[in-house]
Amino acid sequence: MAKAVNDTETQQHKRRYYNPVQKDATTFLKTSEETGGEYTLMEIDVAPGGGTRPHYHKTYTESFEVIEGSLEVLVGDQKHFLRAGEKAVVPRNTLHRFHNATDETVRFLCEMRPGQPGFEKTLKVGYGLASDGLTRSHGTPKNFYHMALLLEWSEIRVPGIFTLIEPIMRFLAKRARRKGIDKELEERYCW
């Protein structure tokens, strides 16, 4: 029995990624590959004050369900304060963000439909870059090629001034692929 528990813990550890800059962690419960592309399911721990900037996704819906703590979720112009067992669903093309406004870590499930292997890769690489000291204090990569690839893989869109530099990011991502930077990042961080 102890061997089975240790094997399960080892498997979960291999599926858990920690970002020392943002002080959050993601555990992949079901990957897009494991669900035949139907969905990606992650358990996320966000430190006090942590969260995302307002953004949207063109090709997938995202839902948040709190396990422990309290999570502030903006969906369009509606702000929700979710507690354990409560859920918010974000349709495609809807501006949203999540934020931990409390002084305790919040744990929640995040599901993306359909599955998002690119987003999965983004978290693994982004957290790896942070662990290696290759991100700024707010978690964005210092290297513009890295940032361009993460944005492309995740399909994250940021409103406002960022829309003006989107074409530049697409160009940089294309150039990074030609230079093989994408493959280097995948080999180093996607285990």
C-alpha atoms as a PDB file:
ATOM      1  CA  MET A   1       0.000   0.000   0.000  1.00  0.00           C
ATOM      2  CA  ALA A   2       2.771   2.457   0.897  1.00  0.00           C
ATOM      3  CA  LYS A   3       4.406   1.845  -2.492  1.00  0.00           C
ATOM      4  CA  ALA A   4       1.204   2.816  -4.355  1.00  0.00           C
ATOM      5  CA  VAL A   5       0.872   6.028  -2.318  1.00  0.00           C
ATOM      6  CA  ASN A   6       4.514   6.922  -3.002  1.00  0.00           C
ATOM      7  CA  ASP A   7       4.044   6.254  -6.729  1.00  0.00           C
ATOM      8  CA  THR A   8       0.968   8.508  -6.755  1.00  0.00           C
ATOM      9  CA  GLU A   9       2.845  11.258  -4.913  1.00  0.00           C
ATOM     10  CA  THR A  10       5.770  10.939  -7.337  1.00  0.00           C
ATOM     11  CA  GLN A  11       3.417  11.192 -10.320  1.00  0.00           C
ATOM     12  CA  GLN A  12       1.743  14.300  -8.853  1.00  0.00           C
ATOM     13  CA  HIS A  13       5.139  15.854  -8.124  1.00  0.00           C
ATOM     14  CA  LYS A  14       6.157  15.351 -11.755  1.00  0.00           C
ATOM     15  CA  ARG A  15       2.949  17.089 -12.822  1.00  0.00           C
ATOM     16  CA  ARG A  16       3.388  20.042 -10.430  1.00  0.00           C
ATOM     17  CA  TYR A  17       5.167  23.203 -11.565  1.00  0.00           C
ATOM     18  CA  TYR A  18       6.147  26.051  -9.238  1.00  0.00           C
ATOM     19  CA  ASN A  19       6.823  29.688 -10.131  1.00  0.00           C
ATOM     20  CA  PRO A  20       9.174  31.208  -7.522  1.00  0.00           C
ATOM     21  CA  VAL A  21       8.626  34.732  -8.854  1.00  0.00           C
ATOM     22  CA  GLN A  22       4.827  34.723  -8.637  1.00  0.00           C
ATOM     23  CA  LYS A  23       4.843  32.151  -5.803  1.00  0.00           C
ATOM     24  CA  ASP A  24       2.131  30.060  -7.411  1.00  0.00           C
ATOM     25  CA  ALA A  25       1.958  26.444  -8.466  1.00  0.00           C
ATOM     26  CA  THR A  26       0.077  24.451 -11.078  1.00  0.00           C
ATOM     27  CA  THR A  27      -0.606  20.727 -10.995  1.00  0.00           C
ATOM     28  CA  PHE A  28      -1.844  19.143 -14.206  1.00  0.00           C
ATOM     29  CA  LEU A  29      -4.707  16.812 -13.300  1.00  0.00           C
ATOM     30  CA  LYS A  30      -5.711  16.032 -16.902  1.00  0.00           C
ATOM     31  CA  THR A  31      -3.824  17.178 -19.964  1.00  0.00           C
ATOM     32  CA  SER A  32      -5.294  17.775 -23.379  1.00  0.00           C
ATOM     33  CA  GLU A  33      -3.554  14.638 -24.608  1.00  0.00           C
ATOM     34  CA  GLU A  34      -5.085  12.545 -21.799  1.00  0.00           C
ATOM     35  CA  THR A  35      -8.619  13.754 -22.593  1.00  0.00           C
ATOM     36  CA  GLY A  36      -8.330  13.369 -26.360  1.00  0.00           C
ATOM     37  CA  GLY A  37      -8.332  17.157 -26.729  1.00  0.00           C
ATOM     38  CA  GLU A  38     -11.651  17.568 -24.907  1.00  0.00           C
ATOM     39  CA  TYR A  39     -10.279  19.609 -21.989  1.00  0.00           C
ATOM     40  CA  THR A  40      -7.280  20.558 -19.832  1.00  0.00           C
ATOM     41  CA  LEU A  41      -7.749  20.443 -16.047  1.00  0.00           C
ATOM     42  CA  MET A  42      -5.319  22.029 -13.595  1.00  0.00           C
ATOM     43  CA  GLU A  43      -5.229  22.643  -9.865  1.00  0.00           C
ATOM     44  CA  ILE A  44      -3.704  26.054  -9.153  1.00  0.00           C
ATOM     45  CA  ASP A  45      -2.388  27.563  -5.919  1.00  0.00           C
ATOM     46  CA  VAL A  46      -2.115  31.363  -5.989  1.00  0.00           C
ATOM     47  CA  ALA A  47      -0.287  33.307  -3.290  1.00  0.00           C
ATOM     48  CA  PRO A  48      -1.803  36.397  -1.654  1.00  0.00           C
ATOM     49  CA  GLY A  49      -1.874  39.277  -4.128  1.00  0.00           C
ATOM     50  CA  GLY A  50      -1.284  36.940  -7.078  1.00  0.00           C
ATOM     51  CA  GLY A  51      -3.329  36.533 -10.211  1.00  0.00           C
ATOM     52  CA  THR A  52      -3.461  37.567 -13.845  1.00  0.00           C
ATOM     53  CA  ARG A  53      -3.912  40.756 -15.811  1.00  0.00           C
ATOM     54  CA  PRO A  54      -7.150  41.205 -17.777  1.00  0.00           C
ATOM     55  CA  HIS A  55      -6.986  39.111 -20.943  1.00  0.00           C
ATOM     56  CA  TYR A  56      -9.076  36.919 -23.230  1.00  0.00           C
ATOM     57  CA  HIS A  57      -8.785  33.769 -25.339  1.00  0.00           C
ATOM     58  CA  LYS A  58     -10.200  33.436 -28.847  1.00  0.00           C
ATOM     59  CA  THR A  59     -10.409  29.645 -29.071  1.00  0.00           C
ATOM     60  CA  TYR A  60     -11.353  28.247 -25.672  1.00  0.00           C
ATOM     61  CA  THR A  61     -13.539  28.700 -22.620  1.00  0.00           C
ATOM     62  CA  GLU A  62     -12.077  28.734 -19.147  1.00  0.00           C
ATOM     63  CA  SER A  63     -13.728  27.921 -15.832  1.00  0.00           C
ATOM     64  CA  PHE A  64     -12.600  28.448 -12.251  1.00  0.00           C
ATOM     65  CA  GLU A  65     -13.852  26.459  -9.257  1.00  0.00           C
ATOM     66  CA  VAL A  66     -12.496  27.256  -5.798  1.00  0.00           C
ATOM     67  CA  ILE A  67     -11.321  24.382  -3.594  1.00  0.00           C
ATOM     68  CA  GLU A  68      -9.884  26.394  -0.670  1.00  0.00           C
ATOM     69  CA  GLY A  69      -9.900  30.102   0.072  1.00  0.00           C
ATOM     70  CA  SER A  70     -11.493  32.938  -1.849  1.00  0.00           C
ATOM     71  CA  LEU A  71     -10.854  34.018  -5.434  1.00  0.00           C
ATOM     72  CA  GLU A  72     -11.864  37.213  -7.162  1.00  0.00           C
ATOM     73  CA  VAL A  73     -12.779  36.542 -10.808  1.00  0.00           C
ATOM     74  CA  LEU A  74     -13.657  39.243 -13.323  1.00  0.00           C
ATOM     75  CA  VAL A  75     -15.805  37.967 -16.220  1.00  0.00           C
ATOM     76  CA  GLY A  76     -16.545  40.770 -18.676  1.00  0.00           C
ATOM     77  CA  ASP A  77     -17.658  43.624 -16.448  1.00  0.00           C
ATOM     78  CA  GLN A  78     -18.952  41.364 -13.650  1.00  0.00           C
ATOM     79  CA  LYS A  79     -16.788  40.764 -10.586  1.00  0.00           C
ATOM     80  CA  HIS A  80     -17.343  37.494  -8.717  1.00  0.00           C
ATOM     81  CA  PHE A  81     -15.992  36.568  -5.286  1.00  0.00           C
ATOM     82  CA  LEU A  82     -15.830  32.785  -5.279  1.00  0.00           C
ATOM     83  CA  ARG A  83     -15.512  30.614  -2.192  1.00  0.00           C
ATOM     84  CA  ALA A  84     -15.024  26.852  -1.875  1.00  0.00           C
ATOM     85  CA  GLY A  85     -17.418  24.985  -4.184  1.00  0.00           C
ATOM     86  CA  GLU A  86     -18.321  28.054  -6.265  1.00  0.00           C
ATOM     87  CA  LYS A  87     -17.555  28.333  -9.967  1.00  0.00           C
ATOM     88  CA  ALA A  88     -17.304  30.944 -12.728  1.00  0.00           C
ATOM     89  CA  VAL A  89     -17.233  30.170 -16.456  1.00  0.00           C
ATOM     90  CA  VAL A  90     -15.544  32.483 -18.953  1.00  0.00           C
ATOM     91  CA  PRO A  91     -16.775  32.154 -22.559  1.00  0.00           C
ATOM     92  CA  ARG A  92     -14.408  32.599 -25.510  1.00  0.00           C
ATOM     93  CA  ASN A  93     -13.502  36.192 -26.386  1.00  0.00           C
ATOM     94  CA  THR A  94     -14.511  37.450 -22.931  1.00  0.00           C
ATOM     95  CA  LEU A  95     -12.198  39.718 -20.973  1.00  0.00           C
ATOM     96  CA  HIS A  96     -11.361  38.134 -17.630  1.00  0.00           C
ATOM     97  CA  ARG A  97      -8.837  37.873 -14.843  1.00  0.00           C
ATOM     98  CA  PHE A  98      -8.450  36.156 -11.494  1.00  0.00           C
ATOM     99  CA  HIS A  99      -6.919  37.641  -8.378  1.00  0.00           C
ATOM    100  CA  ASN A 100      -6.220  36.519  -4.834  1.00  0.00           C
ATOM    101  CA  ALA A 101      -7.167  39.575  -2.774  1.00  0.00           C
ATOM    102  CA  THR A 102      -6.806  37.711   0.526  1.00  0.00           C
ATOM    103  CA  ASP A 103      -3.823  37.139   2.803  1.00  0.00           C
ATOM    104  CA  GLU A 104      -3.938  33.341   2.353  1.00  0.00           C
ATOM    105  CA  THR A 105      -3.133  31.084  -0.579  1.00  0.00           C
ATOM    106  CA  VAL A 106      -6.164  30.154  -2.657  1.00  0.00           C
ATOM    107  CA  ARG A 107      -6.486  26.771  -4.393  1.00  0.00           C
ATOM    108  CA  PHE A 108      -8.794  26.309  -7.355  1.00  0.00           C
ATOM    109  CA  LEU A 109      -9.477  24.168 -10.402  1.00  0.00           C
ATOM    110  CA  CYS A 110      -9.043  25.691 -13.830  1.00  0.00           C
ATOM    111  CA  GLU A 111     -10.567  23.903 -16.805  1.00  0.00           C
ATOM    112  CA  MET A 112     -10.091  24.842 -20.463  1.00  0.00           C
ATOM    113  CA  ARG A 113     -12.362  23.536 -23.200  1.00  0.00           C
ATOM    114  CA  PRO A 114     -11.280  22.326 -25.649  1.00  0.00           C
ATOM    115  CA  GLY A 115      -7.954  21.094 -24.253  1.00  0.00           C
ATOM    116  CA  GLN A 116      -5.020  23.465 -24.580  1.00  0.00           C
ATOM    117  CA  PRO A 117      -1.640  21.784 -25.105  1.00  0.00           C
ATOM    118  CA  GLY A 118      -0.159  25.186 -25.994  1.00  0.00           C
ATOM    119  CA  PHE A 119      -1.282  26.689 -22.696  1.00  0.00           C
ATOM    120  CA  GLU A 120       0.080  23.643 -20.857  1.00  0.00           C
ATOM    121  CA  LYS A 121       3.440  24.200 -22.564  1.00  0.00           C
ATOM    122  CA  THR A 122       3.313  27.917 -21.723  1.00  0.00           C
ATOM    123  CA  LEU A 123       2.984  27.222 -18.004  1.00  0.00           C
ATOM    124  CA  LYS A 124       5.797  24.674 -17.980  1.00  0.00           C
ATOM    125  CA  VAL A 125       8.181  26.933 -19.904  1.00  0.00           C
ATOM    126  CA  GLY A 126       7.124  30.145 -18.135  1.00  0.00           C
ATOM    127  CA  TYR A 127       7.576  28.612 -14.684  1.00  0.00           C
ATOM    128  CA  GLY A 128      10.907  27.122 -15.781  1.00  0.00           C
ATOM    129  CA  LEU A 129      12.139  30.489 -16.998  1.00  0.00           C
ATOM    130  CA  ALA A 130      11.117  32.013 -13.658  1.00  0.00           C
ATOM    131  CA  SER A 131      12.998  29.282 -11.775  1.00  0.00           C
ATOM    132  CA  ASP A 132      16.094  30.034 -13.838  1.00  0.00           C
ATOM    133  CA  GLY A 133      15.888  33.790 -13.143  1.00  0.00           C
ATOM    134  CA  LEU A 134      14.942  34.617 -16.730  1.00  0.00           C
ATOM    135  CA  THR A 135      11.777  36.617 -15.963  1.00  0.00           C
ATOM    136  CA  ARG A 136      11.118  40.089 -14.630  1.00  0.00           C
ATOM    137  CA  SER A 137       9.706  40.677 -11.144  1.00  0.00           C
ATOM    138  CA  HIS A 138       6.096  40.406 -12.413  1.00  0.00           C
ATOM    139  CA  GLY A 139       6.803  37.109 -14.196  1.00  0.00           C
ATOM    140  CA  THR A 140       7.149  38.095 -17.867  1.00  0.00           C
ATOM    141  CA  PRO A 141      10.202  36.750 -19.708  1.00  0.00           C
ATOM    142  CA  LYS A 142      13.182  39.073 -20.100  1.00  0.00           C
ATOM    143  CA  ASN A 143      13.835  37.689 -23.597  1.00  0.00           C
ATOM    144  CA  PHE A 144      11.377  38.979 -26.224  1.00  0.00           C
ATOM    145  CA  TYR A 145      11.603  35.743 -28.237  1.00  0.00           C
ATOM    146  CA  HIS A 146      10.559  33.801 -25.140  1.00  0.00           C
ATOM    147  CA  MET A 147       7.682  36.194 -24.461  1.00  0.00           C
ATOM    148  CA  ALA A 148       6.489  35.994 -28.067  1.00  0.00           C
ATOM    149  CA  LEU A 149       6.465  32.191 -27.991  1.00  0.00           C
ATOM    150  CA  LEU A 150       4.573  32.048 -24.676  1.00  0.00           C
ATOM    151  CA  LEU A 151       1.916  34.411 -26.003  1.00  0.00           C
ATOM    152  CA  GLU A 152       1.565  32.382 -29.189  1.00  0.00           C
ATOM    153  CA  TRP A 153       1.352  29.020 -27.419  1.00  0.00           C
ATOM    154  CA  SER A 154      -1.163  30.221 -24.817  1.00  0.00           C
ATOM    155  CA  GLU A 155      -3.322  32.194 -27.256  1.00  0.00           C
ATOM    156  CA  ILE A 156      -3.570  34.950 -24.633  1.00  0.00           C
ATOM    157  CA  ARG A 157      -4.731  38.309 -25.948  1.00  0.00           C
ATOM    158  CA  VAL A 158      -4.348  41.475 -23.893  1.00  0.00           C
ATOM    159  CA  PRO A 159      -6.535  44.502 -24.646  1.00  0.00           C
ATOM    160  CA  GLY A 160      -5.404  48.105 -24.909  1.00  0.00           C
ATOM    161  CA  ILE A 161      -1.948  49.223 -25.972  1.00  0.00           C
ATOM    162  CA  PHE A 162      -0.789  45.629 -26.258  1.00  0.00           C
ATOM    163  CA  THR A 163      -2.912  45.135 -29.382  1.00  0.00           C
ATOM    164  CA  LEU A 164      -0.548  47.530 -31.159  1.00  0.00           C
ATOM    165  CA  ILE A 165       2.464  45.299 -30.536  1.00  0.00           C
ATOM    166  CA  GLU A 166       0.685  42.016 -31.309  1.00  0.00           C
ATOM    167  CA  PRO A 167       1.991  41.966 -34.909  1.00  0.00           C
ATOM    168  CA  ILE A 168       5.533  42.446 -33.583  1.00  0.00           C
ATOM    169  CA  MET A 169       5.068  39.538 -31.164  1.00  0.00           C
ATOM    170  CA  ARG A 170       3.803  37.312 -33.998  1.00  0.00           C
ATOM    171  CA  PHE A 171       6.876  38.255 -36.054  1.00  0.00           C
ATOM    172  CA  LEU A 172       9.205  37.525 -33.127  1.00  0.00           C
ATOM    173  CA  ALA A 173       7.527  34.143 -32.488  1.00  0.00           C
ATOM    174  CA  LYS A 174       7.983  33.201 -36.147  1.00  0.00           C
ATOM    175  CA  ARG A 175      11.628  34.246 -35.990  1.00  0.00           C
ATOM    176  CA  ALA A 176      12.142  32.333 -32.732  1.00  0.00           C
ATOM    177  CA  ARG A 177      10.776  29.165 -34.375  1.00  0.00           C
ATOM    178  CA  ARG A 178      13.165  29.627 -37.310  1.00  0.00           C
ATOM    179  CA  LYS A 179      16.068  29.935 -34.856  1.00  0.00           C
ATOM    180  CA  GLY A 180      14.949  26.777 -33.015  1.00  0.00           C
ATOM    181  CA  ILE A 181      14.346  28.656 -29.744  1.00  0.00           C
ATOM    182  CA  ASP A 182      10.942  26.986 -29.352  1.00  0.00           C
ATOM    183  CA  LYS A 183      12.512  23.516 -29.482  1.00  0.00           C
ATOM    184  CA  GLU A 184      15.237  24.545 -26.989  1.00  0.00           C
ATOM    185  CA  LEU A 185      12.604  25.731 -24.503  1.00  0.00           C
ATOM    186  CA  GLU A 186      10.472  22.610 -24.958  1.00  0.00           C
ATOM    187  CA  GLU A 187      13.468  20.309 -24.432  1.00  0.00           C
ATOM    188  CA  ARG A 188      14.586  22.161 -21.316  1.00  0.00           C
ATOM    189  CA  TYR A 189      11.250  22.682 -19.544  1.00  0.00           C
ATOM    190  CA  CYS A 190       8.577  20.315 -20.894  1.00  0.00           C
ATOM    191  CA  TRP A 191       9.213  17.067 -19.032  1.00  0.00           C
END
